[in-house]
PDB file of N, CA and C in Angstrom:
ATOM      1  N   MET A   1       0.854  -1.164   0.000  1.00  0.00           N
ATOM      2  CA  MET A   1       0.000   0.000   0.000  1.00  0.00           C
ATOM      3  C   MET A   1       0.906   1.235   0.000  1.00  0.00           C
ATOM      4  N   ASN A   2       0.682   2.116  -0.966  1.00  0.00           N
ATOM      5  CA  ASN A   2       1.488   3.335  -1.065  1.00  0.00           C
ATOM      6  C   ASN A   2       1.073   4.346  -0.008  1.00  0.00           C
ATOM      7  N   ARG A   3       2.059   5.006   0.557  1.00  0.00           N
ATOM      8  CA  ARG A   3       1.792   6.003   1.593  1.00  0.00           C
ATOM      9  C   ARG A   3       1.578   7.362   0.929  1.00  0.00           C
ATOM     10  N   THR A   4       0.350   7.602   0.486  1.00  0.00           N
ATOM     11  CA  THR A   4       0.010   8.867  -0.146  1.00  0.00           C
ATOM     12  C   THR A   4      -0.287   9.924   0.910  1.00  0.00           C
ATOM     13  N   ARG A   5      -0.404  11.160   0.467  1.00  0.00           N
ATOM     14  CA  ARG A   5      -0.754  12.239   1.408  1.00  0.00           C
ATOM     15  C   ARG A   5      -2.120  12.000   2.035  1.00  0.00           C
ATOM     16  N   LEU A   6      -3.052  11.494   1.235  1.00  0.00           N
ATOM     17  CA  LEU A   6      -4.389  11.232   1.763  1.00  0.00           C
ATOM     18  C   LEU A   6      -4.351  10.152   2.842  1.00  0.00           C
ATOM     19  N   LEU A   7      -3.604   9.087   2.583  1.00  0.00           N
ATOM     20  CA  LEU A   7      -3.485   8.015   3.570  1.00  0.00           C
ATOM     21  C   LEU A   7      -2.818   8.530   4.833  1.00  0.00           C
ATOM     22  N   VAL A   8      -1.736   9.261   4.676  1.00  0.00           N
ATOM     23  CA  VAL A   8      -1.031   9.792   5.849  1.00  0.00           C
ATOM     24  C   VAL A   8      -1.951  10.696   6.661  1.00  0.00           C
ATOM     25  N   THR A   9      -2.698  11.560   5.986  1.00  0.00           N
ATOM     26  CA  THR A   9      -3.624  12.446   6.695  1.00  0.00           C
ATOM     27  C   THR A   9      -4.683  11.638   7.440  1.00  0.00           C
ATOM     28  N   GLY A  10      -5.253  10.637   6.784  1.00  0.00           N
ATOM     29  CA  GLY A  10      -6.255   9.788   7.428  1.00  0.00           C
ATOM     30  C   GLY A  10      -5.702   9.025   8.616  1.00  0.00           C
ATOM     31  N   LEU A  11      -4.481   8.520   8.474  1.00  0.00           N
ATOM     32  CA  LEU A  11      -3.872   7.789   9.586  1.00  0.00           C
ATOM     33  C   LEU A  11      -3.555   8.711  10.758  1.00  0.00           C
ATOM     34  N   VAL A  12      -3.079   9.907  10.465  1.00  0.00           N
ATOM     35  CA  VAL A  12      -2.763  10.856  11.544  1.00  0.00           C
ATOM     36  C   VAL A  12      -4.040  11.255  12.281  1.00  0.00           C
ATOM     37  N   LEU A  13      -5.093  11.587  11.535  1.00  0.00           N
ATOM     38  CA  LEU A  13      -6.370  11.944  12.179  1.00  0.00           C
ATOM     39  C   LEU A  13      -6.887  10.795  13.036  1.00  0.00           C
ATOM     40  N   SER A  14      -6.869   9.593  12.478  1.00  0.00           N
ATOM     41  CA  SER A  14      -7.363   8.425  13.201  1.00  0.00           C
ATOM     42  C   SER A  14      -6.509   8.111  14.425  1.00  0.00           C
ATOM     43  N   ALA A  15      -5.193   8.229  14.274  1.00  0.00           N
ATOM     44  CA  ALA A  15      -4.307   7.965  15.411  1.00  0.00           C
ATOM     45  C   ALA A  15      -4.513   8.988  16.520  1.00  0.00           C
ATOM     46  N   LEU A  16      -4.709  10.242  16.158  1.00  0.00           N
ATOM     47  CA  LEU A  16      -4.977  11.265  17.179  1.00  0.00           C
ATOM     48  C   LEU A  16      -6.273  10.963  17.929  1.00  0.00           C
ATOM     49  N   LEU A  17      -7.310  10.566  17.195  1.00  0.00           N
ATOM     50  CA  LEU A  17      -8.572  10.200  17.844  1.00  0.00           C
ATOM     51  C   LEU A  17      -8.388   8.971  18.737  1.00  0.00           C
ATOM     52  N   GLY A  18      -7.623   7.989  18.260  1.00  0.00           N
ATOM     53  CA  GLY A  18      -7.348   6.810  19.071  1.00  0.00           C
ATOM     54  C   GLY A  18      -6.587   7.165  20.342  1.00  0.00           C
ATOM     55  N   LEU A  19      -5.623   8.062  20.218  1.00  0.00           N
ATOM     56  CA  LEU A  19      -4.861   8.511  21.374  1.00  0.00           C
ATOM     57  C   LEU A  19      -5.757   9.235  22.376  1.00  0.00           C
ATOM     58  N   ILE A  20      -6.650  10.063  21.871  1.00  0.00           N
ATOM     59  CA  ILE A  20      -7.601  10.756  22.752  1.00  0.00           C
ATOM     60  C   ILE A  20      -8.474   9.739  23.485  1.00  0.00           C
ATOM     61  N   ASP A  21      -8.923   8.702  22.772  1.00  0.00           N
ATOM     62  CA  ASP A  21      -9.723   7.651  23.415  1.00  0.00           C
ATOM     63  C   ASP A  21      -8.956   6.985  24.554  1.00  0.00           C
ATOM     64  N   VAL A  22      -7.684   6.714  24.320  1.00  0.00           N
ATOM     65  CA  VAL A  22      -6.878   6.024  25.333  1.00  0.00           C
ATOM     66  C   VAL A  22      -6.602   6.930  26.525  1.00  0.00           C
ATOM     67  N   ILE A  23      -6.156   8.154  26.286  1.00  0.00           N
ATOM     68  CA  ILE A  23      -5.761   9.007  27.414  1.00  0.00           C
ATOM     69  C   ILE A  23      -6.943   9.615  28.148  1.00  0.00           C
ATOM     70  N   SER A  24      -8.134   9.592  27.541  1.00  0.00           N
ATOM     71  CA  SER A  24      -9.289  10.167  28.235  1.00  0.00           C
ATOM     72  C   SER A  24      -9.907   9.201  29.239  1.00  0.00           C
ATOM     73  N   LEU A  25      -9.531   7.941  29.215  1.00  0.00           N
ATOM     74  CA  LEU A  25     -10.115   6.949  30.126  1.00  0.00           C
ATOM     75  C   LEU A  25     -10.028   7.359  31.596  1.00  0.00           C
ATOM     76  N   PRO A  26      -8.861   7.738  32.109  1.00  0.00           N
ATOM     77  CA  PRO A  26      -8.806   8.070  33.536  1.00  0.00           C
ATOM     78  C   PRO A  26      -9.439   9.418  33.897  1.00  0.00           C
ATOM     79  N   PHE A  27      -9.798  10.227  32.908  1.00  0.00           N
ATOM     80  CA  PHE A  27     -10.320  11.557  33.207  1.00  0.00           C
ATOM     81  C   PHE A  27     -11.837  11.641  33.182  1.00  0.00           C
ATOM     82  N   GLY A  28     -12.519  10.542  32.888  1.00  0.00           N
ATOM     83  CA  GLY A  28     -13.978  10.547  32.858  1.00  0.00           C
ATOM     84  C   GLY A  28     -14.555  10.610  34.264  1.00  0.00           C
ATOM     85  N   ASP A  29     -15.799  11.065  34.354  1.00  0.00           N
ATOM     86  CA  ASP A  29     -16.447  11.142  35.663  1.00  0.00           C
ATOM     87  C   ASP A  29     -17.319   9.922  35.945  1.00  0.00           C
ATOM     88  N   GLY A  30     -17.330   8.958  35.036  1.00  0.00           N
ATOM     89  CA  GLY A  30     -18.130   7.756  35.217  1.00  0.00           C
ATOM     90  C   GLY A  30     -19.544   7.904  34.701  1.00  0.00           C
ATOM     91  N   GLY A  31     -19.937   9.136  34.382  1.00  0.00           N
ATOM     92  CA  GLY A  31     -21.281   9.368  33.872  1.00  0.00           C
ATOM     93  C   GLY A  31     -21.276   9.805  32.428  1.00  0.00           C
ATOM     94  N   HIS A  32     -20.239  10.539  32.047  1.00  0.00           N
ATOM     95  CA  HIS A  32     -20.140  11.067  30.678  1.00  0.00           C
ATOM     96  C   HIS A  32     -18.751  10.826  30.133  1.00  0.00           C
ATOM     97  N   PRO A  33     -18.449   9.816  29.469  1.00  0.00           N
ATOM     98  CA  PRO A  33     -19.291   8.663  29.151  1.00  0.00           C
ATOM     99  C   PRO A  33     -19.314   7.681  30.314  1.00  0.00           C
ATOM    100  N   PRO A  34     -20.273   6.754  30.302  1.00  0.00           N
ATOM    101  CA  PRO A  34     -20.264   5.708  31.337  1.00  0.00           C
ATOM    102  C   PRO A  34     -18.949   4.923  31.294  1.00  0.00           C
ATOM    103  N   VAL A  35     -18.589   4.347  32.413  1.00  0.00           N
ATOM    104  CA  VAL A  35     -17.303   3.663  32.539  1.00  0.00           C
ATOM    105  C   VAL A  35     -17.146   2.575  31.472  1.00  0.00           C
ATOM    106  N   ALA A  36     -18.185   1.788  31.251  1.00  0.00           N
ATOM    107  CA  ALA A  36     -18.091   0.703  30.270  1.00  0.00           C
ATOM    108  C   ALA A  36     -17.807   1.253  28.870  1.00  0.00           C
ATOM    109  N   VAL A  37     -18.448   2.341  28.511  1.00  0.00           N
ATOM    110  CA  VAL A  37     -18.230   2.948  27.194  1.00  0.00           C
ATOM    111  C   VAL A  37     -16.811   3.497  27.099  1.00  0.00           C
ATOM    112  N   ALA A  38     -16.323   4.097  28.186  1.00  0.00           N
ATOM    113  CA  ALA A  38     -14.965   4.641  28.189  1.00  0.00           C
ATOM    114  C   ALA A  38     -13.921   3.533  28.053  1.00  0.00           C
ATOM    115  N   VAL A  39     -14.146   2.414  28.702  1.00  0.00           N
ATOM    116  CA  VAL A  39     -13.204   1.289  28.620  1.00  0.00           C
ATOM    117  C   VAL A  39     -13.193   0.710  27.208  1.00  0.00           C
ATOM    118  N   VAL A  40     -14.370   0.517  26.634  1.00  0.00           N
ATOM    119  CA  VAL A  40     -14.446   0.015  25.257  1.00  0.00           C
ATOM    120  C   VAL A  40     -13.792   1.019  24.311  1.00  0.00           C
ATOM    121  N   GLY A  41     -14.046   2.305  24.523  1.00  0.00           N
ATOM    122  CA  GLY A  41     -13.432   3.343  23.692  1.00  0.00           C
ATOM    123  C   GLY A  41     -11.916   3.326  23.784  1.00  0.00           C
ATOM    124  N   ALA A  42     -11.398   3.130  24.991  1.00  0.00           N
ATOM    125  CA  ALA A  42      -9.946   3.077  25.169  1.00  0.00           C
ATOM    126  C   ALA A  42      -9.358   1.858  24.464  1.00  0.00           C
ATOM    127  N   ALA A  43     -10.054   0.719  24.544  1.00  0.00           N
ATOM    128  CA  ALA A  43      -9.577  -0.485  23.849  1.00  0.00           C
ATOM    129  C   ALA A  43      -9.591  -0.269  22.339  1.00  0.00           C
ATOM    130  N   LEU A  44     -10.663   0.332  21.829  1.00  0.00           N
ATOM    131  CA  LEU A  44     -10.727   0.630  20.399  1.00  0.00           C
ATOM    132  C   LEU A  44      -9.633   1.622  20.000  1.00  0.00           C
ATOM    133  N   GLY A  45      -9.371   2.594  20.866  1.00  0.00           N
ATOM    134  CA  GLY A  45      -8.304   3.557  20.596  1.00  0.00           C
ATOM    135  C   GLY A  45      -6.943   2.892  20.525  1.00  0.00           C
ATOM    136  N   LEU A  46      -6.706   1.942  21.411  1.00  0.00           N
ATOM    137  CA  LEU A  46      -5.431   1.219  21.406  1.00  0.00           C
ATOM    138  C   LEU A  46      -5.283   0.383  20.135  1.00  0.00           C
ATOM    139  N   ILE A  47      -6.356  -0.274  19.730  1.00  0.00           N
ATOM    140  CA  ILE A  47      -6.312  -1.049  18.486  1.00  0.00           C
ATOM    141  C   ILE A  47      -6.102  -0.119  17.297  1.00  0.00           C
ATOM    142  N   THR A  48      -6.719   1.062  17.336  1.00  0.00           N
ATOM    143  CA  THR A  48      -6.514   2.048  16.272  1.00  0.00           C
ATOM    144  C   THR A  48      -5.043   2.430  16.172  1.00  0.00           C
ATOM    145  N   LEU A  49      -4.412   2.668  17.305  1.00  0.00           N
ATOM    146  CA  LEU A  49      -2.999   3.061  17.297  1.00  0.00           C
ATOM    147  C   LEU A  49      -2.115   1.961  16.706  1.00  0.00           C
ATOM    148  N   VAL A  50      -2.375   0.737  17.101  1.00  0.00           N
ATOM    149  CA  VAL A  50      -1.597  -0.386  16.555  1.00  0.00           C
ATOM    150  C   VAL A  50      -1.852  -0.514  15.049  1.00  0.00           C
ATOM    151  N   GLY A  51      -3.122  -0.409  14.667  1.00  0.00           N
ATOM    152  CA  GLY A  51      -3.467  -0.494  13.247  1.00  0.00           C
ATOM    153  C   GLY A  51      -2.839   0.621  12.437  1.00  0.00           C
ATOM    154  N   ALA A  52      -2.776   1.828  13.006  1.00  0.00           N
ATOM    155  CA  ALA A  52      -2.175   2.962  12.301  1.00  0.00           C
ATOM    156  C   ALA A  52      -0.683   2.731  12.069  1.00  0.00           C
ATOM    157  N   VAL A  53      -0.007   2.181  13.055  1.00  0.00           N
ATOM    158  CA  VAL A  53       1.417   1.874  12.887  1.00  0.00           C
ATOM    159  C   VAL A  53       1.606   0.827  11.796  1.00  0.00           C
ATOM    160  N   LEU A  54       0.781  -0.206  11.834  1.00  0.00           N
ATOM    161  CA  LEU A  54       0.886  -1.253  10.815  1.00  0.00           C
ATOM    162  C   LEU A  54       0.552  -0.710   9.428  1.00  0.00           C
ATOM    163  N   ALA A  55      -0.478   0.114   9.331  1.00  0.00           N
ATOM    164  CA  ALA A  55      -0.850   0.698   8.037  1.00  0.00           C
ATOM    165  C   ALA A  55       0.240   1.625   7.534  1.00  0.00           C
ATOM    166  N   TRP A  56       0.879   2.347   8.436  1.00  0.00           N
ATOM    167  CA  TRP A  56       1.987   3.237   8.061  1.00  0.00           C
ATOM    168  C   TRP A  56       3.104   2.430   7.399  1.00  0.00           C
ATOM    169  N   ARG A  57       3.266   1.202   7.878  1.00  0.00           N
ATOM    170  CA  ARG A  57       4.308   0.316   7.332  1.00  0.00           C
ATOM    171  C   ARG A  57       3.842  -0.436   6.082  1.00  0.00           C
ATOM    172  N   GLY A  58       2.603  -0.173   5.635  1.00  0.00           N
ATOM    173  CA  GLY A  58       2.119  -0.764   4.396  1.00  0.00           C
ATOM    174  C   GLY A  58       1.120  -1.884   4.541  1.00  0.00           C
ATOM    175  N   SER A  59       0.678  -2.178   5.757  1.00  0.00           N
ATOM    176  CA  SER A  59      -0.234  -3.287   5.989  1.00  0.00           C
ATOM    177  C   SER A  59      -1.679  -2.894   5.676  1.00  0.00           C
ATOM    178  N   ARG A  60      -2.301  -3.640   4.768  1.00  0.00           N
ATOM    179  CA  ARG A  60      -3.718  -3.420   4.481  1.00  0.00           C
ATOM    180  C   ARG A  60      -4.569  -3.811   5.682  1.00  0.00           C
ATOM    181  N   ALA A  61      -4.176  -4.862   6.390  1.00  0.00           N
ATOM    182  CA  ALA A  61      -4.916  -5.292   7.576  1.00  0.00           C
ATOM    183  C   ALA A  61      -4.899  -4.196   8.643  1.00  0.00           C
ATOM    184  N   GLY A  62      -3.781  -3.497   8.766  1.00  0.00           N
ATOM    185  CA  GLY A  62      -3.707  -2.383   9.707  1.00  0.00           C
ATOM    186  C   GLY A  62      -4.667  -1.270   9.328  1.00  0.00           C
ATOM    187  N   ALA A  63      -4.749  -0.987   8.031  1.00  0.00           N
ATOM    188  CA  ALA A  63      -5.672   0.055   7.559  1.00  0.00           C
ATOM    189  C   ALA A  63      -7.115  -0.356   7.820  1.00  0.00           C
ATOM    190  N   VAL A  64      -7.424  -1.620   7.596  1.00  0.00           N
ATOM    191  CA  VAL A  64      -8.780  -2.109   7.866  1.00  0.00           C
ATOM    192  C   VAL A  64      -9.081  -2.016   9.360  1.00  0.00           C
ATOM    193  N   ALA A  65      -8.111  -2.348  10.198  1.00  0.00           N
ATOM    194  CA  ALA A  65      -8.299  -2.235  11.647  1.00  0.00           C
ATOM    195  C   ALA A  65      -8.593  -0.791  12.043  1.00  0.00           C
ATOM    196  N   VAL A  66      -7.893   0.154  11.442  1.00  0.00           N
ATOM    197  CA  VAL A  66      -8.131   1.572  11.727  1.00  0.00           C
ATOM    198  C   VAL A  66      -9.559   1.945  11.343  1.00  0.00           C
ATOM    199  N   ILE A  67      -9.982   1.539  10.169  1.00  0.00           N
ATOM    200  CA  ILE A  67     -11.328   1.873   9.694  1.00  0.00           C
ATOM    201  C   ILE A  67     -12.395   1.283  10.614  1.00  0.00           C
ATOM    202  N   VAL A  68     -12.268   0.007  10.926  1.00  0.00           N
ATOM    203  CA  VAL A  68     -13.279  -0.674  11.744  1.00  0.00           C
ATOM    204  C   VAL A  68     -13.335  -0.086  13.150  1.00  0.00           C
ATOM    205  N   THR A  69     -12.180   0.111  13.768  1.00  0.00           N
ATOM    206  CA  THR A  69     -12.186   0.615  15.147  1.00  0.00           C
ATOM    207  C   THR A  69     -12.687   2.052  15.227  1.00  0.00           C
ATOM    208  N   ARG A  70     -12.356   2.872  14.244  1.00  0.00           N
ATOM    209  CA  ARG A  70     -12.856   4.259  14.256  1.00  0.00           C
ATOM    210  C   ARG A  70     -14.369   4.300  14.055  1.00  0.00           C
ATOM    211  N   LEU A  71     -14.880   3.434  13.167  1.00  0.00           N
ATOM    212  CA  LEU A  71     -16.332   3.397  12.971  1.00  0.00           C
ATOM    213  C   LEU A  71     -17.046   2.909  14.228  1.00  0.00           C
ATOM    214  N   LEU A  72     -16.503   1.884  14.877  1.00  0.00           N
ATOM    215  CA  LEU A  72     -17.105   1.394  16.116  1.00  0.00           C
ATOM    216  C   LEU A  72     -17.035   2.449  17.220  1.00  0.00           C
ATOM    217  N   SER A  73     -15.921   3.140  17.291  1.00  0.00           N
ATOM    218  CA  SER A  73     -15.790   4.211  18.285  1.00  0.00           C
ATOM    219  C   SER A  73     -16.802   5.318  18.014  1.00  0.00           C
ATOM    220  N   GLY A  74     -16.973   5.666  16.749  1.00  0.00           N
ATOM    221  CA  GLY A  74     -17.965   6.681  16.394  1.00  0.00           C
ATOM    222  C   GLY A  74     -19.369   6.245  16.753  1.00  0.00           C
ATOM    223  N   LEU A  75     -19.680   4.981  16.495  1.00  0.00           N
ATOM    224  CA  LEU A  75     -21.007   4.468  16.853  1.00  0.00           C
ATOM    225  C   LEU A  75     -21.237   4.500  18.352  1.00  0.00           C
ATOM    226  N   SER A  76     -20.195   4.267  19.128  1.00  0.00           N
ATOM    227  CA  SER A  76     -20.358   4.278  20.587  1.00  0.00           C
ATOM    228  C   SER A  76     -20.630   5.683  21.112  1.00  0.00           C
ATOM    229  N   ALA A  77     -20.330   6.707  20.319  1.00  0.00           N
ATOM    230  CA  ALA A  77     -20.558   8.089  20.747  1.00  0.00           C
ATOM    231  C   ALA A  77     -21.928   8.621  20.355  1.00  0.00           C
ATOM    232  N   VAL A  78     -22.612   7.951  19.446  1.00  0.00           N
ATOM    233  CA  VAL A  78     -23.911   8.427  18.946  1.00  0.00           C
ATOM    234  C   VAL A  78     -24.955   8.616  20.054  1.00  0.00           C
ATOM    235  N   PRO A  79     -25.026   7.755  21.078  1.00  0.00           N
ATOM    236  CA  PRO A  79     -26.034   7.973  22.126  1.00  0.00           C
ATOM    237  C   PRO A  79     -25.926   9.333  22.822  1.00  0.00           C
ATOM    238  N   ALA A  80     -24.794   9.988  22.743  1.00  0.00           N
ATOM    239  CA  ALA A  80     -24.659  11.313  23.370  1.00  0.00           C
ATOM    240  C   ALA A  80     -25.666  12.303  22.803  1.00  0.00           C
ATOM    241  N   PHE A  81     -26.127  12.069  21.577  1.00  0.00           N
ATOM    242  CA  PHE A  81     -27.108  12.962  20.966  1.00  0.00           C
ATOM    243  C   PHE A  81     -28.527  12.714  21.464  1.00  0.00           C
ATOM    244  N   PHE A  82     -28.756  11.577  22.105  1.00  0.00           N
ATOM    245  CA  PHE A  82     -30.113  11.193  22.487  1.00  0.00           C
ATOM    246  C   PHE A  82     -30.332  11.112  23.990  1.00  0.00           C
ATOM    247  N   VAL A  83     -29.278  11.161  24.780  1.00  0.00           N
ATOM    248  CA  VAL A  83     -29.393  11.102  26.233  1.00  0.00           C
ATOM    249  C   VAL A  83     -29.592  12.523  26.752  1.00  0.00           C
ATOM    250  N   ASP A  84     -30.546  12.693  27.642  1.00  0.00           N
ATOM    251  CA  ASP A  84     -30.936  14.032  28.093  1.00  0.00           C
ATOM    252  C   ASP A  84     -29.897  14.751  28.946  1.00  0.00           C
ATOM    253  N   ASP A  85     -29.152  14.039  29.775  1.00  0.00           N
ATOM    254  CA  ASP A  85     -28.282  14.719  30.742  1.00  0.00           C
ATOM    255  C   ASP A  85     -26.858  14.979  30.238  1.00  0.00           C
ATOM    256  N   VAL A  86     -26.609  14.829  28.942  1.00  0.00           N
ATOM    257  CA  VAL A  86     -25.280  15.105  28.402  1.00  0.00           C
ATOM    258  C   VAL A  86     -25.144  16.615  28.193  1.00  0.00           C
ATOM    259  N   PRO A  87     -24.097  17.219  28.758  1.00  0.00           N
ATOM    260  CA  PRO A  87     -23.907  18.673  28.608  1.00  0.00           C
ATOM    261  C   PRO A  87     -23.757  19.074  27.139  1.00  0.00           C
ATOM    262  N   GLY A  88     -24.259  20.259  26.814  1.00  0.00           N
ATOM    263  CA  GLY A  88     -24.231  20.749  25.436  1.00  0.00           C
ATOM    264  C   GLY A  88     -22.834  20.822  24.849  1.00  0.00           C
ATOM    265  N   ALA A  89     -21.858  21.234  25.657  1.00  0.00           N
ATOM    266  CA  ALA A  89     -20.485  21.331  25.164  1.00  0.00           C
ATOM    267  C   ALA A  89     -19.950  19.953  24.777  1.00  0.00           C
ATOM    268  N   LEU A  90     -20.346  18.941  25.531  1.00  0.00           N
ATOM    269  CA  LEU A  90     -19.898  17.585  25.228  1.00  0.00           C
ATOM    270  C   LEU A  90     -20.552  17.076  23.942  1.00  0.00           C
ATOM    271  N   VAL A  91     -21.807  17.425  23.732  1.00  0.00           N
ATOM    272  CA  VAL A  91     -22.483  17.038  22.492  1.00  0.00           C
ATOM    273  C   VAL A  91     -21.778  17.682  21.295  1.00  0.00           C
ATOM    274  N   GLY A  92     -21.385  18.934  21.438  1.00  0.00           N
ATOM    275  CA  GLY A  92     -20.641  19.608  20.369  1.00  0.00           C
ATOM    276  C   GLY A  92     -19.306  18.947  20.105  1.00  0.00           C
ATOM    277  N   ALA A  93     -18.611  18.558  21.168  1.00  0.00           N
ATOM    278  CA  ALA A  93     -17.319  17.880  21.013  1.00  0.00           C
ATOM    279  C   ALA A  93     -17.501  16.528  20.332  1.00  0.00           C
ATOM    280  N   VAL A  94     -18.557  15.822  20.685  1.00  0.00           N
ATOM    281  CA  VAL A  94     -18.837  14.525  20.062  1.00  0.00           C
ATOM    282  C   VAL A  94     -19.144  14.713  18.578  1.00  0.00           C
ATOM    283  N   ALA A  95     -19.915  15.735  18.244  1.00  0.00           N
ATOM    284  CA  ALA A  95     -20.237  16.001  16.837  1.00  0.00           C
ATOM    285  C   ALA A  95     -18.970  16.293  16.038  1.00  0.00           C
ATOM    286  N   PHE A  96     -18.088  17.101  16.598  1.00  0.00           N
ATOM    287  CA  PHE A  96     -16.827  17.414  15.928  1.00  0.00           C
ATOM    288  C   PHE A  96     -15.979  16.153  15.758  1.00  0.00           C
ATOM    289  N   ALA A  97     -15.897  15.344  16.811  1.00  0.00           N
ATOM    290  CA  ALA A  97     -15.110  14.108  16.753  1.00  0.00           C
ATOM    291  C   ALA A  97     -15.681  13.151  15.708  1.00  0.00           C
ATOM    292  N   LEU A  98     -17.000  13.099  15.588  1.00  0.00           N
ATOM    293  CA  LEU A  98     -17.603  12.229  14.573  1.00  0.00           C
ATOM    294  C   LEU A  98     -17.271  12.703  13.158  1.00  0.00           C
ATOM    295  N   LEU A  99     -17.264  14.007  12.951  1.00  0.00           N
ATOM    296  CA  LEU A  99     -16.890  14.535  11.635  1.00  0.00           C
ATOM    297  C   LEU A  99     -15.437  14.209  11.301  1.00  0.00           C
ATOM    298  N   VAL A 100     -14.552  14.375  12.271  1.00  0.00           N
ATOM    299  CA  VAL A 100     -13.139  14.054  12.057  1.00  0.00           C
ATOM    300  C   VAL A 100     -12.968  12.549  11.835  1.00  0.00           C
ATOM    301  N   THR A 101     -13.735  11.750  12.574  1.00  0.00           N
ATOM    302  CA  THR A 101     -13.693  10.299  12.405  1.00  0.00           C
ATOM    303  C   THR A 101     -14.077   9.904  10.987  1.00  0.00           C
ATOM    304  N   LEU A 102     -15.174  10.461  10.506  1.00  0.00           N
ATOM    305  CA  LEU A 102     -15.626  10.134   9.144  1.00  0.00           C
ATOM    306  C   LEU A 102     -14.611  10.581   8.099  1.00  0.00           C
ATOM    307  N   ALA A 103     -13.999  11.726   8.318  1.00  0.00           N
ATOM    308  CA  ALA A 103     -12.972  12.191   7.381  1.00  0.00           C
ATOM    309  C   ALA A 103     -11.779  11.245   7.387  1.00  0.00           C
ATOM    310  N   GLY A 104     -11.308  10.856   8.559  1.00  0.00           N
ATOM    311  CA  GLY A 104     -10.175   9.932   8.651  1.00  0.00           C
ATOM    312  C   GLY A 104     -10.472   8.595   8.022  1.00  0.00           C
ATOM    313  N   VAL A 105     -11.666   8.059   8.284  1.00  0.00           N
ATOM    314  CA  VAL A 105     -12.057   6.778   7.703  1.00  0.00           C
ATOM    315  C   VAL A 105     -12.121   6.877   6.182  1.00  0.00           C
ATOM    316  N   ALA A 106     -12.703   7.961   5.677  1.00  0.00           N
ATOM    317  CA  ALA A 106     -12.810   8.131   4.222  1.00  0.00           C
ATOM    318  C   ALA A 106     -11.429   8.206   3.573  1.00  0.00           C
ATOM    319  N   LEU A 107     -10.506   8.897   4.211  1.00  0.00           N
ATOM    320  CA  LEU A 107      -9.162   9.026   3.644  1.00  0.00           C
ATOM    321  C   LEU A 107      -8.418   7.699   3.644  1.00  0.00           C
ATOM    322  N   VAL A 108      -8.522   6.958   4.732  1.00  0.00           N
ATOM    323  CA  VAL A 108      -7.851   5.652   4.787  1.00  0.00           C
ATOM    324  C   VAL A 108      -8.512   4.679   3.813  1.00  0.00           C
ATOM    325  N   ALA A 109      -9.835   4.699   3.760  1.00  0.00           N
ATOM    326  CA  ALA A 109     -10.550   3.796   2.861  1.00  0.00           C
ATOM    327  C   ALA A 109     -10.227   4.092   1.399  1.00  0.00           C
ATOM    328  N   SER A 110     -10.041   5.366   1.082  1.00  0.00           N
ATOM    329  CA  SER A 110      -9.719   5.700  -0.311  1.00  0.00           C
ATOM    330  C   SER A 110      -8.371   5.111  -0.721  1.00  0.00           C
ATOM    331  N   ALA A 111      -7.449   5.019   0.214  1.00  0.00           N
ATOM    332  CA  ALA A 111      -6.149   4.413  -0.091  1.00  0.00           C
ATOM    333  C   ALA A 111      -6.302   2.917  -0.355  1.00  0.00           C
ATOM    334  N   LEU A 112      -7.199   2.268   0.366  1.00  0.00           N
ATOM    335  CA  LEU A 112      -7.449   0.846   0.126  1.00  0.00           C
ATOM    336  C   LEU A 112      -8.118   0.635  -1.225  1.00  0.00           C
ATOM    337  N   ARG A 113      -9.063   1.477  -1.544  1.00  0.00           N
ATOM    338  CA  ARG A 113      -9.804   1.345  -2.793  1.00  0.00           C
ATOM    339  C   ARG A 113      -8.906   1.607  -3.994  1.00  0.00           C
ATOM    340  N   THR A 114      -8.038   2.603  -3.893  1.00  0.00           N
ATOM    341  CA  THR A 114      -7.135   2.931  -4.995  1.00  0.00           C
ATOM    342  C   THR A 114      -6.251   1.740  -5.337  1.00  0.00           C
ATOM    343  N   ARG A 115      -5.738   1.074  -4.352  1.00  0.00           N
ATOM    344  CA  ARG A 115      -4.869  -0.067  -4.597  1.00  0.00           C
ATOM    345  C   ARG A 115      -5.653  -1.211  -5.229  1.00  0.00           C
ATOM    346  N   ALA A 116      -6.882  -1.431  -4.762  1.00  0.00           N
ATOM    347  CA  ALA A 116      -7.688  -2.518  -5.316  1.00  0.00           C
ATOM    348  C   ALA A 116      -8.006  -2.259  -6.779  1.00  0.00           C
ATOM    349  N   VAL A 117      -8.245  -1.020  -7.147  1.00  0.00           N
ATOM    350  CA  VAL A 117      -8.564  -0.685  -8.534  1.00  0.00           C
ATOM    351  C   VAL A 117      -7.339  -0.855  -9.416  1.00  0.00           C
ATOM    352  N   THR A 118      -6.177  -0.455  -8.942  1.00  0.00           N
ATOM    353  CA  THR A 118      -4.976  -0.547  -9.769  1.00  0.00           C
ATOM    354  C   THR A 118      -4.490  -1.979  -9.928  1.00  0.00           C
ATOM    355  N   GLU A 119      -4.784  -2.848  -8.948  1.00  0.00           N
ATOM    356  CA  GLU A 119      -4.351  -4.236  -9.037  1.00  0.00           C
ATOM    357  C   GLU A 119      -5.285  -5.068  -9.909  1.00  0.00           C
ATOM    358  N   GLY A 120      -6.570  -4.678  -9.945  1.00  0.00           N
ATOM    359  CA  GLY A 120      -7.594  -5.470 -10.631  1.00  0.00           C
ATOM    360  C   GLY A 120      -7.427  -5.443 -12.075  1.00  0.00           C
TER     361      GLY A 120
END
């Protein structure tokens, strides 16, 4: 897999989000997000970081891991829009993180698709 600017940008965005997931675990209040969601998010963030390193080295499996874990992490944040007691600032932060997540996933996925088209 060629390391294009788009792939690098997607991996950097995804790795930053994964890092935020990991380091935010001890700073939660147990309510926003609930502890179980924070633990799952941290695990997904750690897998994202490993996948980003592998994808940086050319691994398609690493890129797929980044895509899957970022999408799952994004899905775990969606309830913040529907739960009544989530502070407005946190909802805004979640919305921004979801937009960045989708951008990172799209950039990494485009690198996978480009290679599949050129090989076919």
